Amino acid sequence: PGLVKPSQTVSLTCTVSGGSITTTSYYW
């Protein structure tokens, strides 16, 4: 979401393509 009310929680997701987030030895 681009707009969040004060005191609430921002929840964002990063979708990765072209490589695995489990590949040694990268940091996300």
PDB file of all heavy atoms in Angstrom:
ATOM      1  N   PRO A   1       0.819  -1.205   0.000  1.00  0.00           N
ATOM      2  CA  PRO A   1       0.000   0.000   0.000  1.00  0.00           C
ATOM      3  C   PRO A   1       0.853   1.255   0.000  1.00  0.00           C
ATOM      4  O   PRO A   1       1.904   1.318   0.651  1.00  0.00           O
ATOM      5  CB  PRO A   1      -0.816  -0.118   1.294  1.00  0.00           C
ATOM      6  CG  PRO A   1       0.031  -0.972   2.186  1.00  0.00           C
ATOM      7  CD  PRO A   1       0.714  -1.952   1.270  1.00  0.00           C
ATOM      8  N   GLY A   2       0.403   2.244  -0.731  1.00  0.00           N
ATOM      9  CA  GLY A   2       1.130   3.499  -0.794  1.00  0.00           C
ATOM     10  C   GLY A   2       0.747   4.502   0.281  1.00  0.00           C
ATOM     11  O   GLY A   2       1.473   5.469   0.504  1.00  0.00           O
ATOM     12  N   LEU A   3      -0.368   4.275   0.944  1.00  0.00           N
ATOM     13  CA  LEU A   3      -0.862   5.190   1.959  1.00  0.00           C
ATOM     14  C   LEU A   3      -1.218   4.394   3.204  1.00  0.00           C
ATOM     15  O   LEU A   3      -1.971   3.415   3.127  1.00  0.00           O
ATOM     16  CB  LEU A   3      -2.081   5.956   1.446  1.00  0.00           C
ATOM     17  CG  LEU A   3      -2.666   7.028   2.355  1.00  0.00           C
ATOM     18  CD1 LEU A   3      -1.655   8.141   2.583  1.00  0.00           C
ATOM     19  CD2 LEU A   3      -3.943   7.590   1.757  1.00  0.00           C
ATOM     20  N   VAL A   4      -0.674   4.811   4.333  1.00  0.00           N
ATOM     21  CA  VAL A   4      -0.868   4.115   5.602  1.00  0.00           C
ATOM     22  C   VAL A   4      -1.197   5.144   6.679  1.00  0.00           C
ATOM     23  O   VAL A   4      -0.638   6.244   6.688  1.00  0.00           O
ATOM     24  CB  VAL A   4       0.382   3.313   6.012  1.00  0.00           C
ATOM     25  CG1 VAL A   4       0.134   2.545   7.301  1.00  0.00           C
ATOM     26  CG2 VAL A   4       0.779   2.348   4.896  1.00  0.00           C
ATOM     27  N   LYS A   5      -2.063   4.770   7.581  1.00  0.00           N
ATOM     28  CA  LYS A   5      -2.434   5.666   8.669  1.00  0.00           C
ATOM     29  C   LYS A   5      -1.426   5.589   9.808  1.00  0.00           C
ATOM     30  O   LYS A   5      -0.837   4.537  10.058  1.00  0.00           O
ATOM     31  CB  LYS A   5      -3.829   5.316   9.184  1.00  0.00           C
ATOM     32  CG  LYS A   5      -4.938   5.502   8.163  1.00  0.00           C
ATOM     33  CD  LYS A   5      -6.290   5.188   8.776  1.00  0.00           C
ATOM     34  CE  LYS A   5      -7.396   5.319   7.746  1.00  0.00           C
ATOM     35  NZ  LYS A   5      -7.510   6.709   7.233  1.00  0.00           N
ATOM     36  N   PRO A   6      -1.222   6.694  10.518  1.00  0.00           N
ATOM     37  CA  PRO A   6      -0.329   6.653  11.682  1.00  0.00           C
ATOM     38  C   PRO A   6      -0.747   5.582  12.677  1.00  0.00           C
ATOM     39  O   PRO A   6      -1.941   5.317  12.853  1.00  0.00           O
ATOM     40  CB  PRO A   6      -0.462   8.054  12.280  1.00  0.00           C
ATOM     41  CG  PRO A   6      -0.863   8.916  11.135  1.00  0.00           C
ATOM     42  CD  PRO A   6      -1.744   8.058  10.270  1.00  0.00           C
ATOM     43  N   SER A   7       0.251   4.985  13.297  1.00  0.00           N
ATOM     44  CA  SER A   7       0.145   3.907  14.283  1.00  0.00           C
ATOM     45  C   SER A   7      -0.064   2.529  13.659  1.00  0.00           C
ATOM     46  O   SER A   7       0.042   1.528  14.375  1.00  0.00           O
ATOM     47  CB  SER A   7      -0.939   4.173  15.333  1.00  0.00           C
ATOM     48  OG  SER A   7      -2.222   3.842  14.855  1.00  0.00           O
ATOM     49  N   GLN A   8      -0.339   2.465  12.378  1.00  0.00           N
ATOM     50  CA  GLN A   8      -0.533   1.172  11.727  1.00  0.00           C
ATOM     51  C   GLN A   8       0.795   0.574  11.275  1.00  0.00           C
ATOM     52  O   GLN A   8       1.864   1.129  11.532  1.00  0.00           O
ATOM     53  CB  GLN A   8      -1.496   1.316  10.552  1.00  0.00           C
ATOM     54  CG  GLN A   8      -2.910   1.686  10.980  1.00  0.00           C
ATOM     55  CD  GLN A   8      -3.901   1.660   9.835  1.00  0.00           C
ATOM     56  OE1 GLN A   8      -3.517   1.801   8.666  1.00  0.00           O
ATOM     57  NE2 GLN A   8      -5.163   1.477  10.157  1.00  0.00           N
ATOM     58  N   THR A   9       0.725  -0.564  10.621  1.00  0.00           N
ATOM     59  CA  THR A   9       1.898  -1.296  10.168  1.00  0.00           C
ATOM     60  C   THR A   9       2.006  -1.230   8.654  1.00  0.00           C
ATOM     61  O   THR A   9       1.034  -1.511   7.946  1.00  0.00           O
ATOM     62  CB  THR A   9       1.829  -2.764  10.612  1.00  0.00           C
ATOM     63  OG1 THR A   9       1.851  -2.839  12.036  1.00  0.00           O
ATOM     64  CG2 THR A   9       3.000  -3.559  10.050  1.00  0.00           C
ATOM     65  N   VAL A  10       3.181  -0.857   8.171  1.00  0.00           N
ATOM     66  CA  VAL A  10       3.496  -0.924   6.751  1.00  0.00           C
ATOM     67  C   VAL A  10       3.953  -2.334   6.423  1.00  0.00           C
ATOM     68  O   VAL A  10       4.878  -2.850   7.055  1.00  0.00           O
ATOM     69  CB  VAL A  10       4.580   0.093   6.370  1.00  0.00           C
ATOM     70  CG1 VAL A  10       5.067  -0.145   4.938  1.00  0.00           C
ATOM     71  CG2 VAL A  10       4.057   1.512   6.521  1.00  0.00           C
ATOM     72  N   SER A  11       3.317  -2.955   5.454  1.00  0.00           N
ATOM     73  CA  SER A  11       3.688  -4.289   5.005  1.00  0.00           C
ATOM     74  C   SER A  11       4.011  -4.238   3.524  1.00  0.00           C
ATOM     75  O   SER A  11       3.140  -3.921   2.706  1.00  0.00           O
ATOM     76  CB  SER A  11       2.562  -5.291   5.266  1.00  0.00           C
ATOM     77  OG  SER A  11       2.294  -5.425   6.652  1.00  0.00           O
ATOM     78  N   LEU A  12       5.252  -4.544   3.188  1.00  0.00           N
ATOM     79  CA  LEU A  12       5.719  -4.515   1.810  1.00  0.00           C
ATOM     80  C   LEU A  12       6.291  -5.871   1.432  1.00  0.00           C
ATOM     81  O   LEU A  12       6.859  -6.578   2.267  1.00  0.00           O
ATOM     82  CB  LEU A  12       6.793  -3.447   1.613  1.00  0.00           C
ATOM     83  CG  LEU A  12       6.408  -2.004   1.948  1.00  0.00           C
ATOM     84  CD1 LEU A  12       7.615  -1.093   1.773  1.00  0.00           C
ATOM     85  CD2 LEU A  12       5.256  -1.538   1.077  1.00  0.00           C
ATOM     86  N   THR A  13       6.166  -6.203   0.161  1.00  0.00           N
ATOM     87  CA  THR A  13       6.679  -7.454  -0.367  1.00  0.00           C
ATOM     88  C   THR A  13       7.635  -7.156  -1.515  1.00  0.00           C
ATOM     89  O   THR A  13       7.355  -6.294  -2.352  1.00  0.00           O
ATOM     90  CB  THR A  13       5.537  -8.353  -0.861  1.00  0.00           C
ATOM     91  OG1 THR A  13       4.693  -8.704   0.237  1.00  0.00           O
ATOM     92  CG2 THR A  13       6.080  -9.633  -1.488  1.00  0.00           C
ATOM     93  N   CYS A  14       8.744  -7.868  -1.542  1.00  0.00           N
ATOM     94  CA  CYS A  14       9.683  -7.806  -2.654  1.00  0.00           C
ATOM     95  C   CYS A  14       9.638  -9.132  -3.390  1.00  0.00           C
ATOM     96  O   CYS A  14       9.959 -10.179  -2.805  1.00  0.00           O
ATOM     97  CB  CYS A  14      11.101  -7.515  -2.171  1.00  0.00           C
ATOM     98  SG  CYS A  14      12.302  -7.331  -3.513  1.00  0.00           S
ATOM     99  N   THR A  15       9.252  -9.085  -4.642  1.00  0.00           N
ATOM    100  CA  THR A  15       9.211 -10.271  -5.484  1.00  0.00           C
ATOM    101  C   THR A  15      10.468 -10.319  -6.335  1.00  0.00           C
ATOM    102  O   THR A  15      10.784  -9.355  -7.038  1.00  0.00           O
ATOM    103  CB  THR A  15       7.965 -10.266  -6.375  1.00  0.00           C
ATOM    104  OG1 THR A  15       6.798 -10.244  -5.545  1.00  0.00           O
ATOM    105  CG2 THR A  15       7.925 -11.511  -7.248  1.00  0.00           C
ATOM    106  N   VAL A  16      11.179 -11.430  -6.265  1.00  0.00           N
ATOM    107  CA  VAL A  16      12.453 -11.597  -6.961  1.00  0.00           C
ATOM    108  C   VAL A  16      12.273 -12.573  -8.109  1.00  0.00           C
ATOM    109  O   VAL A  16      11.692 -13.645  -7.936  1.00  0.00           O
ATOM    110  CB  VAL A  16      13.545 -12.103  -6.000  1.00  0.00           C
ATOM    111  CG1 VAL A  16      14.861 -12.311  -6.749  1.00  0.00           C
ATOM    112  CG2 VAL A  16      13.725 -11.137  -4.842  1.00  0.00           C
ATOM    113  N   SER A  17      12.779 -12.206  -9.264  1.00  0.00           N
ATOM    114  CA  SER A  17      12.791 -13.088 -10.422  1.00  0.00           C
ATOM    115  C   SER A  17      14.194 -13.127 -11.012  1.00  0.00           C
ATOM    116  O   SER A  17      14.996 -12.214 -10.812  1.00  0.00           O
ATOM    117  CB  SER A  17      11.784 -12.633 -11.482  1.00  0.00           C
ATOM    118  OG  SER A  17      12.089 -11.331 -11.955  1.00  0.00           O
ATOM    119  N   GLY A  18      14.499 -14.198 -11.730  1.00  0.00           N
ATOM    120  CA  GLY A  18      15.807 -14.338 -12.339  1.00  0.00           C
ATOM    121  C   GLY A  18      16.881 -14.864 -11.420  1.00  0.00           C
ATOM    122  O   GLY A  18      18.045 -14.991 -11.834  1.00  0.00           O
ATOM    123  N   GLY A  19      16.550 -15.157 -10.194  1.00  0.00           N
ATOM    124  CA  GLY A  19      17.492 -15.686  -9.223  1.00  0.00           C
ATOM    125  C   GLY A  19      16.768 -16.047  -7.949  1.00  0.00           C
ATOM    126  O   GLY A  19      15.738 -15.455  -7.622  1.00  0.00           O
ATOM    127  N   SER A  20      17.310 -16.988  -7.223  1.00  0.00           N
ATOM    128  CA  SER A  20      16.687 -17.473  -5.997  1.00  0.00           C
ATOM    129  C   SER A  20      17.193 -16.708  -4.792  1.00  0.00           C
ATOM    130  O   SER A  20      18.397 -16.428  -4.678  1.00  0.00           O
ATOM    131  CB  SER A  20      16.962 -18.960  -5.816  1.00  0.00           C
ATOM    132  OG  SER A  20      16.493 -19.418  -4.561  1.00  0.00           O
ATOM    133  N   ILE A  21      16.295 -16.397  -3.868  1.00  0.00           N
ATOM    134  CA  ILE A  21      16.700 -15.725  -2.640  1.00  0.00           C
ATOM    135  C   ILE A  21      17.459 -16.653  -1.702  1.00  0.00           C
ATOM    136  O   ILE A  21      17.970 -16.201  -0.671  1.00  0.00           O
ATOM    137  CB  ILE A  21      15.495 -15.097  -1.907  1.00  0.00           C
ATOM    138  CG1 ILE A  21      14.472 -16.174  -1.511  1.00  0.00           C
ATOM    139  CG2 ILE A  21      14.852 -14.022  -2.769  1.00  0.00           C
ATOM    140  CD1 ILE A  21      13.336 -15.640  -0.658  1.00  0.00           C
ATOM    141  N   THR A  22      17.565 -17.922  -2.040  1.00  0.00           N
ATOM    142  CA  THR A  22      18.342 -18.865  -1.246  1.00  0.00           C
ATOM    143  C   THR A  22      19.720 -19.141  -1.826  1.00  0.00           C
ATOM    144  O   THR A  22      20.464 -19.956  -1.278  1.00  0.00           O
ATOM    145  CB  THR A  22      17.590 -20.195  -1.078  1.00  0.00           C
ATOM    146  OG1 THR A  22      17.440 -20.835  -2.353  1.00  0.00           O
ATOM    147  CG2 THR A  22      16.221 -19.967  -0.462  1.00  0.00           C
ATOM    148  N   THR A  23      20.080 -18.496  -2.909  1.00  0.00           N
ATOM    149  CA  THR A  23      21.375 -18.736  -3.533  1.00  0.00           C
ATOM    150  C   THR A  23      22.514 -18.166  -2.700  1.00  0.00           C
ATOM    151  O   THR A  23      22.496 -16.994  -2.308  1.00  0.00           O
ATOM    152  CB  THR A  23      21.412 -18.118  -4.939  1.00  0.00           C
ATOM    153  OG1 THR A  23      20.460 -18.769  -5.779  1.00  0.00           O
ATOM    154  CG2 THR A  23      22.798 -18.292  -5.567  1.00  0.00           C
ATOM    155  N   THR A  24      23.489 -19.010  -2.434  1.00  0.00           N
ATOM    156  CA  THR A  24      24.696 -18.593  -1.727  1.00  0.00           C
ATOM    157  C   THR A  24      25.477 -17.597  -2.581  1.00  0.00           C
ATOM    158  O   THR A  24      25.692 -17.850  -3.768  1.00  0.00           O
ATOM    159  CB  THR A  24      25.556 -19.819  -1.417  1.00  0.00           C
ATOM    160  OG1 THR A  24      24.785 -20.787  -0.683  1.00  0.00           O
ATOM    161  CG2 THR A  24      26.783 -19.439  -0.607  1.00  0.00           C
ATOM    162  N   SER A  25      25.960 -16.501  -2.012  1.00  0.00           N
ATOM    163  CA  SER A  25      25.781 -16.078  -0.653  1.00  0.00           C
ATOM    164  C   SER A  25      25.250 -14.643  -0.624  1.00  0.00           C
ATOM    165  O   SER A  25      25.904 -13.726  -0.143  1.00  0.00           O
ATOM    166  CB  SER A  25      27.099 -16.170   0.126  1.00  0.00           C
ATOM    167  OG  SER A  25      28.100 -15.404  -0.543  1.00  0.00           O
ATOM    168  N   TYR A  26      24.059 -14.471  -1.142  1.00  0.00           N
ATOM    169  CA  TYR A  26      23.489 -13.143  -1.305  1.00  0.00           C
ATOM    170  C   TYR A  26      22.654 -12.709  -0.108  1.00  0.00           C
ATOM    171  O   TYR A  26      22.107 -13.536   0.626  1.00  0.00           O
ATOM    172  CB  TYR A  26      22.640 -13.077  -2.578  1.00  0.00           C
ATOM    173  CG  TYR A  26      23.464 -13.215  -3.834  1.00  0.00           C
ATOM    174  CD1 TYR A  26      23.378 -14.362  -4.611  1.00  0.00           C
ATOM    175  CD2 TYR A  26      24.334 -12.206  -4.226  1.00  0.00           C
ATOM    176  CE1 TYR A  26      24.143 -14.492  -5.757  1.00  0.00           C
ATOM    177  CE2 TYR A  26      25.098 -12.335  -5.363  1.00  0.00           C
ATOM    178  CZ  TYR A  26      25.000 -13.477  -6.126  1.00  0.00           C
ATOM    179  OH  TYR A  26      25.762 -13.611  -7.266  1.00  0.00           O
ATOM    180  N   TYR A  27      22.564 -11.398   0.046  1.00  0.00           N
ATOM    181  CA  TYR A  27      21.780 -10.771   1.093  1.00  0.00           C
ATOM    182  C   TYR A  27      20.713  -9.907   0.454  1.00  0.00           C
ATOM    183  O   TYR A  27      20.968  -9.187  -0.516  1.00  0.00           O
ATOM    184  CB  TYR A  27      22.672  -9.920   2.004  1.00  0.00           C
ATOM    185  CG  TYR A  27      23.650 -10.740   2.803  1.00  0.00           C
ATOM    186  CD1 TYR A  27      24.775 -11.295   2.198  1.00  0.00           C
ATOM    187  CD2 TYR A  27      23.449 -10.972   4.156  1.00  0.00           C
ATOM    188  CE1 TYR A  27      25.672 -12.063   2.921  1.00  0.00           C
ATOM    189  CE2 TYR A  27      24.342 -11.734   4.890  1.00  0.00           C
ATOM    190  CZ  TYR A  27      25.444 -12.278   4.267  1.00  0.00           C
ATOM    191  OH  TYR A  27      26.329 -13.034   4.998  1.00  0.00           O
ATOM    192  N   TRP A  28      19.530  -9.961   1.016  1.00  0.00           N
ATOM    193  CA  TRP A  28      18.365  -9.276   0.455  1.00  0.00           C
ATOM    194  C   TRP A  28      17.890  -8.242   1.456  1.00  0.00           C
ATOM    195  O   TRP A  28      17.429  -8.572   2.543  1.00  0.00           O
ATOM    196  CB  TRP A  28      17.274 -10.302   0.124  1.00  0.00           C
ATOM    197  CG  TRP A  28      17.806 -11.374  -0.779  1.00  0.00           C
ATOM    198  CD1 TRP A  28      18.407 -12.544  -0.409  1.00  0.00           C
ATOM    199  CD2 TRP A  28      17.817 -11.357  -2.209  1.00  0.00           C
ATOM    200  NE1 TRP A  28      18.779 -13.259  -1.521  1.00  0.00           N
ATOM    201  CE2 TRP A  28      18.438 -12.560  -2.636  1.00  0.00           C
ATOM    202  CE3 TRP A  28      17.362 -10.453  -3.159  1.00  0.00           C
ATOM    203  CZ2 TRP A  28      18.609 -12.867  -3.984  1.00  0.00           C
ATOM    204  CZ3 TRP A  28      17.526 -10.761  -4.503  1.00  0.00           C
ATOM    205  CH2 TRP A  28      18.149 -11.952  -4.899  1.00  0.00           C
TER     206      TRP A  28
END
